[in-house]
């Protein structure tokens, strides 16, 4: 578990989203990993309504950058699986999330 507070994790996630287009695959993987840490912290400690709202907005912005993530997704999944980390959350499968949203429109 991260030693950062949930608010710090969310701030890092926000910064990562803002610069996602400029990142190398390893940096994109870090954004996904920090999102994993956010989820882990929420599961263990909960989340305030204000931070929950901010996180929902950031997740929406993240989904808007699907192309950047999908372009690197194969490499990202391999990196995380090689490190023995979980890839079970939706942000690791943004390509499938985007397809599902298009179908439901």
Protein backbone atom coordinates (compact mmCIF):
# COMPACT_ATOMS: atom_id res chain seq x y z
CA UNK A 1 0.00 0.00 0.00
CA UNK A 2 1.16 3.49 -0.80
CA UNK A 3 2.35 5.83 1.94
CA UNK A 4 0.72 8.72 0.10
CA UNK A 5 -2.63 10.02 1.23
CA UNK A 6 -5.62 9.45 -1.01
CA UNK A 7 -5.64 13.15 -1.87
CA UNK A 8 -1.96 12.99 -2.91
CA UNK A 9 -2.62 9.90 -5.03
CA UNK A 10 -5.52 11.63 -6.77
CA UNK A 11 -3.36 14.73 -7.40
CA UNK A 12 -0.68 12.54 -9.03
CA UNK A 13 -3.37 10.82 -11.11
CA UNK A 14 -4.68 14.21 -12.23
CA UNK A 15 -1.22 15.37 -13.26
CA UNK A 16 -0.65 12.12 -15.13
CA UNK A 17 -3.90 12.52 -17.04
CA UNK A 18 -3.02 16.09 -17.98
CA UNK A 19 0.26 15.01 -19.61
CA UNK A 20 -0.74 11.55 -20.85
CA UNK A 21 -0.23 12.38 -24.53
CA UNK A 22 3.45 13.19 -23.90
CA UNK A 23 4.26 10.04 -21.93
CA UNK A 24 6.25 6.96 -22.83
CA UNK A 25 4.59 3.56 -22.18
CA UNK A 26 6.30 3.27 -18.78
CA UNK A 27 4.84 6.61 -17.70
CA UNK A 28 1.37 5.64 -18.93
CA UNK A 29 1.77 2.44 -16.89
CA UNK A 30 2.54 4.57 -13.84
CA UNK A 31 -0.73 6.49 -14.30
CA UNK A 32 -2.61 3.18 -14.40
CA UNK A 33 -0.69 1.92 -11.38
CA UNK A 34 -1.45 5.04 -9.34
CA UNK A 35 -5.12 4.47 -10.21
CA UNK A 36 -4.74 0.95 -8.79
CA UNK A 37 -3.30 2.43 -5.61
CA UNK A 38 -6.20 4.88 -5.38
CA UNK A 39 -8.66 2.00 -5.61
CA UNK A 40 -6.77 0.03 -2.97
CA UNK A 41 -6.79 3.02 -0.61
CA UNK A 42 -10.51 3.55 -1.17
CA UNK A 43 -11.20 -0.12 -0.41
CA UNK A 44 -9.23 0.10 2.82
CA UNK A 45 -10.09 3.57 4.08
CA UNK A 46 -13.09 4.83 2.11
CA UNK A 47 -13.42 8.13 0.28
CA UNK A 48 -15.07 11.46 1.03
CA UNK A 49 -17.83 12.70 -1.24
CA UNK A 50 -15.64 15.59 -2.44
CA UNK A 51 -12.76 13.32 -3.44
CA UNK A 52 -15.18 10.83 -4.96
CA UNK A 53 -16.60 13.56 -7.19
CA UNK A 54 -13.10 14.69 -8.20
CA UNK A 55 -12.09 11.10 -8.98
CA UNK A 56 -15.20 10.57 -11.12
CA UNK A 57 -14.33 13.71 -13.13
CA UNK A 58 -10.74 12.53 -13.54
CA UNK A 59 -11.86 9.05 -14.61
CA UNK A 60 -14.05 10.68 -17.25
CA UNK A 61 -11.09 12.74 -18.50
CA UNK A 62 -8.99 9.57 -18.52
CA UNK A 63 -11.60 7.79 -20.64
CA UNK A 64 -11.50 10.72 -23.07
CA UNK A 65 -7.83 9.86 -23.68
CA UNK A 66 -8.56 6.27 -24.66
CA UNK A 67 -6.45 6.43 -27.83
CA UNK A 68 -3.28 7.29 -25.91
CA UNK A 69 -3.77 4.41 -23.49
CA UNK A 70 -4.92 1.87 -26.07
CA UNK A 71 -1.89 2.66 -28.24
CA UNK A 72 0.30 1.40 -25.39
CA UNK A 73 -2.06 -1.14 -23.83
CA UNK A 74 -0.34 -4.34 -24.96
CA UNK A 75 2.99 -3.19 -23.56
CA UNK A 76 1.32 -1.93 -20.38
CA UNK A 77 -0.46 -5.21 -19.66
CA UNK A 78 2.73 -7.20 -20.28
CA UNK A 79 4.73 -4.93 -17.97
CA UNK A 80 2.23 -5.21 -15.15
CA UNK A 81 1.70 -8.95 -15.52
CA UNK A 82 5.47 -9.50 -15.60
CA UNK A 83 5.70 -7.58 -12.33
CA UNK A 84 2.98 -9.80 -10.87
CA UNK A 85 0.53 -6.94 -10.46
CA UNK A 86 -3.20 -7.17 -10.94
CA UNK A 87 -4.79 -5.83 -14.09
CA UNK A 88 -8.38 -6.48 -13.11
CA UNK A 89 -9.80 -2.94 -12.99
CA UNK A 90 -11.52 -1.21 -15.93
CA UNK A 91 -8.66 1.22 -16.59
CA UNK A 92 -6.46 -1.66 -17.73
CA UNK A 93 -9.08 -2.54 -20.38
CA UNK A 94 -9.91 0.92 -21.65
CA UNK A 95 -10.12 -0.39 -25.21
CA UNK A 96 -13.02 -2.66 -24.24
CA UNK A 97 -14.67 0.06 -22.12
CA UNK A 98 -14.56 2.44 -25.08
CA UNK A 99 -16.09 -0.15 -27.43
CA UNK A 100 -18.87 -0.90 -24.96
CA UNK A 101 -19.71 2.81 -24.59
CA UNK A 102 -19.85 3.24 -28.38
CA UNK A 103 -22.25 0.33 -28.70
CA UNK A 104 -24.60 1.72 -26.06
CA UNK A 105 -24.79 5.19 -27.67
